[in-house]
Structures are given as structure tokens and as C-alpha cells.
Amino acid sequence: MVQWRKSTRSSGAENTDCVEVAAFFGSVAVRDSKAPEYGHLAVSRADFGVLVAQVKRGSPES
């Protein structure tokens, strides 16, 4: 069973826009927490690591 999780910073009435992530058959799955019925995007763990690093830096591009 896939265990979806979202940031603890996404709790509360003011922080409703977020994504959820899950380990997914050797990759990382990402989906919109408000619309999980629309499916998910699966990326490699390496690519997800690059994405997280870019977000932390505030970088808009690779």
C-alpha cells in the first residue's frame, strides 16, 4: 500500500495548498493533496532530490 505524506508545515487553515509524496516502486510519486483523484507524477529518486535542492535554494531552473 502506498503511504502518502505531506509537510507538517501544510497543516492549519492558512496552509491548504500543498503536494503529497510517497515512495512508489523505486521512484517518488508526487500529487496534489486537494485533488488526489487526478493521479500523480512519478520521478526518479535522484530527480526528486534535485527538485528538493532547487526548491530549498529558491532556484526556478535546473
PDB file of N, CA and C in Angstrom:
ATOM      1  N   MET A   1       0.835  -1.185   0.000  1.00  0.00           N
ATOM      2  CA  MET A   1       0.000   0.000   0.000  1.00  0.00           C
ATOM      3  C   MET A   1       0.884   1.255   0.000  1.00  0.00           C
ATOM      4  N   VAL A   2       0.546   2.213  -0.802  1.00  0.00           N
ATOM      5  CA  VAL A   2       1.289   3.467  -0.898  1.00  0.00           C
ATOM      6  C   VAL A   2       0.920   4.366   0.282  1.00  0.00           C
ATOM      7  N   GLN A   3       1.933   4.866   0.980  1.00  0.00           N
ATOM      8  CA  GLN A   3       1.721   5.760   2.120  1.00  0.00           C
ATOM      9  C   GLN A   3       2.038   7.192   1.694  1.00  0.00           C
ATOM     10  N   TRP A   4       1.008   7.994   1.477  1.00  0.00           N
ATOM     11  CA  TRP A   4       1.195   9.392   1.092  1.00  0.00           C
ATOM     12  C   TRP A   4       1.464  10.225   2.327  1.00  0.00           C
ATOM     13  N   ARG A   5       2.326  11.235   2.185  1.00  0.00           N
ATOM     14  CA  ARG A   5       2.586  12.151   3.299  1.00  0.00           C
ATOM     15  C   ARG A   5       2.786  13.562   2.767  1.00  0.00           C
ATOM     16  N   LYS A   6       2.489  14.526   3.623  1.00  0.00           N
ATOM     17  CA  LYS A   6       2.705  15.918   3.249  1.00  0.00           C
ATOM     18  C   LYS A   6       3.430  16.616   4.384  1.00  0.00           C
ATOM     19  N   SER A   7       3.963  17.758   4.100  1.00  0.00           N
ATOM     20  CA  SER A   7       4.750  18.510   5.060  1.00  0.00           C
ATOM     21  C   SER A   7       3.923  18.872   6.291  1.00  0.00           C
ATOM     22  N   THR A   8       4.578  18.840   7.431  1.00  0.00           N
ATOM     23  CA  THR A   8       3.898  19.279   8.651  1.00  0.00           C
ATOM     24  C   THR A   8       3.614  20.776   8.603  1.00  0.00           C
ATOM     25  N   ARG A   9       4.302  21.498   7.720  1.00  0.00           N
ATOM     26  CA  ARG A   9       4.048  22.938   7.553  1.00  0.00           C
ATOM     27  C   ARG A   9       2.769  23.193   6.775  1.00  0.00           C
ATOM     28  N   SER A  10       2.135  22.143   6.287  1.00  0.00           N
ATOM     29  CA  SER A  10       0.922  22.285   5.495  1.00  0.00           C
ATOM     30  C   SER A  10      -0.342  22.150   6.335  1.00  0.00           C
ATOM     31  N   SER A  11      -0.210  22.129   7.627  1.00  0.00           N
ATOM     32  CA  SER A  11      -1.390  21.985   8.475  1.00  0.00           C
ATOM     33  C   SER A  11      -1.977  23.354   8.812  1.00  0.00           C
ATOM     34  N   GLY A  12      -3.219  23.360   9.209  1.00  0.00           N
ATOM     35  CA  GLY A  12      -3.867  24.614   9.582  1.00  0.00           C
ATOM     36  C   GLY A  12      -4.674  25.207   8.442  1.00  0.00           C
ATOM     37  N   ALA A  13      -5.507  26.153   8.767  1.00  0.00           N
ATOM     38  CA  ALA A  13      -6.419  26.744   7.794  1.00  0.00           C
ATOM     39  C   ALA A  13      -5.715  27.579   6.738  1.00  0.00           C
ATOM     40  N   GLU A  14      -4.567  28.164   7.068  1.00  0.00           N
ATOM     41  CA  GLU A  14      -3.881  29.048   6.129  1.00  0.00           C
ATOM     42  C   GLU A  14      -3.011  28.310   5.117  1.00  0.00           C
ATOM     43  N   ASN A  15      -2.643  27.086   5.384  1.00  0.00           N
ATOM     44  CA  ASN A  15      -1.704  26.352   4.540  1.00  0.00           C
ATOM     45  C   ASN A  15      -2.361  25.136   3.894  1.00  0.00           C
ATOM     46  N   THR A  16      -3.317  25.376   3.027  1.00  0.00           N
ATOM     47  CA  THR A  16      -4.032  24.257   2.413  1.00  0.00           C
ATOM     48  C   THR A  16      -3.465  23.865   1.058  1.00  0.00           C
ATOM     49  N   ASP A  17      -2.612  24.682   0.450  1.00  0.00           N
ATOM     50  CA  ASP A  17      -2.030  24.366  -0.854  1.00  0.00           C
ATOM     51  C   ASP A  17      -0.742  23.585  -0.654  1.00  0.00           C
ATOM     52  N   CYS A  18      -0.761  22.327  -1.021  1.00  0.00           N
ATOM     53  CA  CYS A  18       0.464  21.556  -0.874  1.00  0.00           C
ATOM     54  C   CYS A  18       0.409  20.313  -1.755  1.00  0.00           C
ATOM     55  N   VAL A  19       1.527  19.660  -1.797  1.00  0.00           N
ATOM     56  CA  VAL A  19       1.621  18.391  -2.501  1.00  0.00           C
ATOM     57  C   VAL A  19       1.910  17.299  -1.489  1.00  0.00           C
ATOM     58  N   GLU A  20       1.633  16.072  -1.885  1.00  0.00           N
ATOM     59  CA  GLU A  20       1.956  14.911  -1.078  1.00  0.00           C
ATOM     60  C   GLU A  20       2.978  14.086  -1.841  1.00  0.00           C
ATOM     61  N   VAL A  21       3.811  13.361  -1.116  1.00  0.00           N
ATOM     62  CA  VAL A  21       4.801  12.493  -1.739  1.00  0.00           C
ATOM     63  C   VAL A  21       4.687  11.095  -1.154  1.00  0.00           C
ATOM     64  N   ALA A  22       5.154  10.113  -1.939  1.00  0.00           N
ATOM     65  CA  ALA A  22       5.155   8.728  -1.487  1.00  0.00           C
ATOM     66  C   ALA A  22       6.256   7.964  -2.205  1.00  0.00           C
ATOM     67  N   ALA A  23       6.829   6.991  -1.515  1.00  0.00           N
ATOM     68  CA  ALA A  23       7.742   6.061  -2.172  1.00  0.00           C
ATOM     69  C   ALA A  23       6.877   5.208  -3.097  1.00  0.00           C
ATOM     70  N   PHE A  24       7.326   5.028  -4.335  1.00  0.00           N
ATOM     71  CA  PHE A  24       6.466   4.381  -5.323  1.00  0.00           C
ATOM     72  C   PHE A  24       7.300   3.529  -6.277  1.00  0.00           C
ATOM     73  N   PHE A  25       7.451   2.241  -5.970  1.00  0.00           N
ATOM     74  CA  PHE A  25       8.142   1.286  -6.839  1.00  0.00           C
ATOM     75  C   PHE A  25       9.514   1.794  -7.298  1.00  0.00           C
ATOM     76  N   GLY A  26      10.351   2.205  -6.349  1.00  0.00           N
ATOM     77  CA  GLY A  26      11.690   2.663  -6.672  1.00  0.00           C
ATOM     78  C   GLY A  26      11.781   4.100  -7.126  1.00  0.00           C
ATOM     79  N   SER A  27      10.668   4.815  -7.133  1.00  0.00           N
ATOM     80  CA  SER A  27      10.664   6.226  -7.509  1.00  0.00           C
ATOM     81  C   SER A  27       9.930   7.007  -6.420  1.00  0.00           C
ATOM     82  N   VAL A  28       9.724   8.277  -6.686  1.00  0.00           N
ATOM     83  CA  VAL A  28       8.959   9.123  -5.763  1.00  0.00           C
ATOM     84  C   VAL A  28       7.742   9.634  -6.515  1.00  0.00           C
ATOM     85  N   ALA A  29       6.578   9.441  -5.929  1.00  0.00           N
ATOM     86  CA  ALA A  29       5.335   9.921  -6.531  1.00  0.00           C
ATOM     87  C   ALA A  29       4.938  11.229  -5.863  1.00  0.00           C
ATOM     88  N   VAL A  30       4.426  12.156  -6.653  1.00  0.00           N
ATOM     89  CA  VAL A  30       4.022  13.472  -6.177  1.00  0.00           C
ATOM     90  C   VAL A  30       2.599  13.729  -6.673  1.00  0.00           C
ATOM     91  N   ARG A  31       1.733  14.226  -5.794  1.00  0.00           N
ATOM     92  CA  ARG A  31       0.359  14.544  -6.207  1.00  0.00           C
ATOM     93  C   ARG A  31      -0.154  15.758  -5.460  1.00  0.00           C
ATOM     94  N   ASP A  32      -1.203  16.354  -5.984  1.00  0.00           N
ATOM     95  CA  ASP A  32      -1.870  17.496  -5.365  1.00  0.00           C
ATOM     96  C   ASP A  32      -2.741  16.972  -4.224  1.00  0.00           C
ATOM     97  N   SER A  33      -2.513  17.460  -3.030  1.00  0.00           N
ATOM     98  CA  SER A  33      -3.271  16.958  -1.875  1.00  0.00           C
ATOM     99  C   SER A  33      -4.757  17.304  -1.945  1.00  0.00           C
ATOM    100  N   LYS A  34      -5.107  18.365  -2.677  1.00  0.00           N
ATOM    101  CA  LYS A  34      -6.515  18.749  -2.787  1.00  0.00           C
ATOM    102  C   LYS A  34      -7.248  17.976  -3.879  1.00  0.00           C
ATOM    103  N   ALA A  35      -6.507  17.313  -4.774  1.00  0.00           N
ATOM    104  CA  ALA A  35      -7.137  16.591  -5.890  1.00  0.00           C
ATOM    105  C   ALA A  35      -6.409  15.280  -6.173  1.00  0.00           C
ATOM    106  N   PRO A  36      -6.338  14.385  -5.206  1.00  0.00           N
ATOM    107  CA  PRO A  36      -5.614  13.129  -5.417  1.00  0.00           C
ATOM    108  C   PRO A  36      -6.227  12.257  -6.510  1.00  0.00           C
ATOM    109  N   GLU A  37      -7.485  12.485  -6.811  1.00  0.00           N
ATOM    110  CA  GLU A  37      -8.155  11.689  -7.854  1.00  0.00           C
ATOM    111  C   GLU A  37      -7.598  11.969  -9.250  1.00  0.00           C
ATOM    112  N   TYR A  38      -6.838  13.047  -9.406  1.00  0.00           N
ATOM    113  CA  TYR A  38      -6.236  13.368 -10.704  1.00  0.00           C
ATOM    114  C   TYR A  38      -4.958  12.597 -10.974  1.00  0.00           C
ATOM    115  N   GLY A  39      -4.525  11.788 -10.036  1.00  0.00           N
ATOM    116  CA  GLY A  39      -3.346  10.962 -10.240  1.00  0.00           C
ATOM    117  C   GLY A  39      -2.089  11.587  -9.669  1.00  0.00           C
ATOM    118  N   HIS A  40      -0.961  11.069 -10.111  1.00  0.00           N
ATOM    119  CA  HIS A  40       0.321  11.505  -9.576  1.00  0.00           C
ATOM    120  C   HIS A  40       1.372  11.537 -10.674  1.00  0.00           C
ATOM    121  N   LEU A  41       2.484  12.153 -10.349  1.00  0.00           N
ATOM    122  CA  LEU A  41       3.651  12.195 -11.214  1.00  0.00           C
ATOM    123  C   LEU A  41       4.736  11.394 -10.511  1.00  0.00           C
ATOM    124  N   ALA A  42       5.336  10.421 -11.194  1.00  0.00           N
ATOM    125  CA  ALA A  42       6.421   9.636 -10.609  1.00  0.00           C
ATOM    126  C   ALA A  42       7.743  10.083 -11.218  1.00  0.00           C
ATOM    127  N   VAL A  43       8.722  10.346 -10.363  1.00  0.00           N
ATOM    128  CA  VAL A  43      10.056  10.759 -10.797  1.00  0.00           C
ATOM    129  C   VAL A  43      11.086   9.884 -10.084  1.00  0.00           C
ATOM    130  N   SER A  44      12.271   9.813 -10.649  1.00  0.00           N
ATOM    131  CA  SER A  44      13.327   9.042 -10.003  1.00  0.00           C
ATOM    132  C   SER A  44      13.703   9.705  -8.682  1.00  0.00           C
ATOM    133  N   ARG A  45      14.267   8.909  -7.805  1.00  0.00           N
ATOM    134  CA  ARG A  45      14.698   9.465  -6.516  1.00  0.00           C
ATOM    135  C   ARG A  45      15.765  10.541  -6.724  1.00  0.00           C
ATOM    136  N   ALA A  46      16.644  10.313  -7.689  1.00  0.00           N
ATOM    137  CA  ALA A  46      17.696  11.298  -7.979  1.00  0.00           C
ATOM    138  C   ALA A  46      17.086  12.612  -8.447  1.00  0.00           C
ATOM    139  N   ASP A  47      16.129  12.539  -9.369  1.00  0.00           N
ATOM    140  CA  ASP A  47      15.485  13.756  -9.863  1.00  0.00           C
ATOM    141  C   ASP A  47      14.694  14.459  -8.759  1.00  0.00           C
ATOM    142  N   PHE A  48      14.071  13.691  -7.889  1.00  0.00           N
ATOM    143  CA  PHE A  48      13.340  14.292  -6.778  1.00  0.00           C
ATOM    144  C   PHE A  48      14.308  15.019  -5.847  1.00  0.00           C
ATOM    145  N   GLY A  49      15.481  14.432  -5.615  1.00  0.00           N
ATOM    146  CA  GLY A  49      16.498  15.078  -4.798  1.00  0.00           C
ATOM    147  C   GLY A  49      16.940  16.408  -5.396  1.00  0.00           C
ATOM    148  N   VAL A  50      17.101  16.441  -6.732  1.00  0.00           N
ATOM    149  CA  VAL A  50      17.458  17.685  -7.415  1.00  0.00           C
ATOM    150  C   VAL A  50      16.343  18.714  -7.235  1.00  0.00           C
ATOM    151  N   LEU A  51      15.103  18.299  -7.394  1.00  0.00           N
ATOM    152  CA  LEU A  51      13.961  19.200  -7.221  1.00  0.00           C
ATOM    153  C   LEU A  51      13.935  19.793  -5.811  1.00  0.00           C
ATOM    154  N   VAL A  52      14.098  18.960  -4.811  1.00  0.00           N
ATOM    155  CA  VAL A  52      14.076  19.442  -3.427  1.00  0.00           C
ATOM    156  C   VAL A  52      15.218  20.438  -3.192  1.00  0.00           C
ATOM    157  N   ALA A  53      16.399  20.137  -3.706  1.00  0.00           N
ATOM    158  CA  ALA A  53      17.541  21.048  -3.551  1.00  0.00           C
ATOM    159  C   ALA A  53      17.261  22.392  -4.214  1.00  0.00           C
ATOM    160  N   GLN A  54      16.648  22.361  -5.399  1.00  0.00           N
ATOM    161  CA  GLN A  54      16.323  23.610  -6.101  1.00  0.00           C
ATOM    162  C   GLN A  54      15.277  24.414  -5.339  1.00  0.00           C
ATOM    163  N   VAL A  55      14.286  23.750  -4.799  1.00  0.00           N
ATOM    164  CA  VAL A  55      13.257  24.444  -4.025  1.00  0.00           C
ATOM    165  C   VAL A  55      13.881  25.104  -2.799  1.00  0.00           C
ATOM    166  N   LYS A  56      14.768  24.375  -2.122  1.00  0.00           N
ATOM    167  CA  LYS A  56      15.417  24.942  -0.939  1.00  0.00           C
ATOM    168  C   LYS A  56      16.258  26.163  -1.275  1.00  0.00           C
ATOM    169  N   ARG A  57      16.882  26.149  -2.460  1.00  0.00           N
ATOM    170  CA  ARG A  57      17.698  27.288  -2.892  1.00  0.00           C
ATOM    171  C   ARG A  57      16.846  28.417  -3.462  1.00  0.00           C
ATOM    172  N   GLY A  58      15.604  28.119  -3.810  1.00  0.00           N
ATOM    173  CA  GLY A  58      14.754  29.112  -4.466  1.00  0.00           C
ATOM    174  C   GLY A  58      15.058  29.244  -5.933  1.00  0.00           C
ATOM    175  N   SER A  59      15.658  28.204  -6.528  1.00  0.00           N
ATOM    176  CA  SER A  59      16.063  28.224  -7.924  1.00  0.00           C
ATOM    177  C   SER A  59      14.897  27.875  -8.844  1.00  0.00           C
ATOM    178  N   PRO A  60      14.589  28.729  -9.845  1.00  0.00           N
ATOM    179  CA  PRO A  60      13.489  28.461 -10.747  1.00  0.00           C
ATOM    180  C   PRO A  60      13.836  27.466 -11.855  1.00  0.00           C
ATOM    181  N   GLU A  61      15.119  27.185 -12.086  1.00  0.00           N
ATOM    182  CA  GLU A  61      15.538  26.314 -13.184  1.00  0.00           C
ATOM    183  C   GLU A  61      16.585  25.324 -12.708  1.00  0.00           C
ATOM    184  N   SER A  62      16.821  24.337 -13.533  1.00  0.00           N
ATOM    185  CA  SER A  62      17.895  23.384 -13.224  1.00  0.00           C
ATOM    186  C   SER A  62      19.223  23.905 -13.703  1.00  0.00           C
TER     187      SER A  62
END
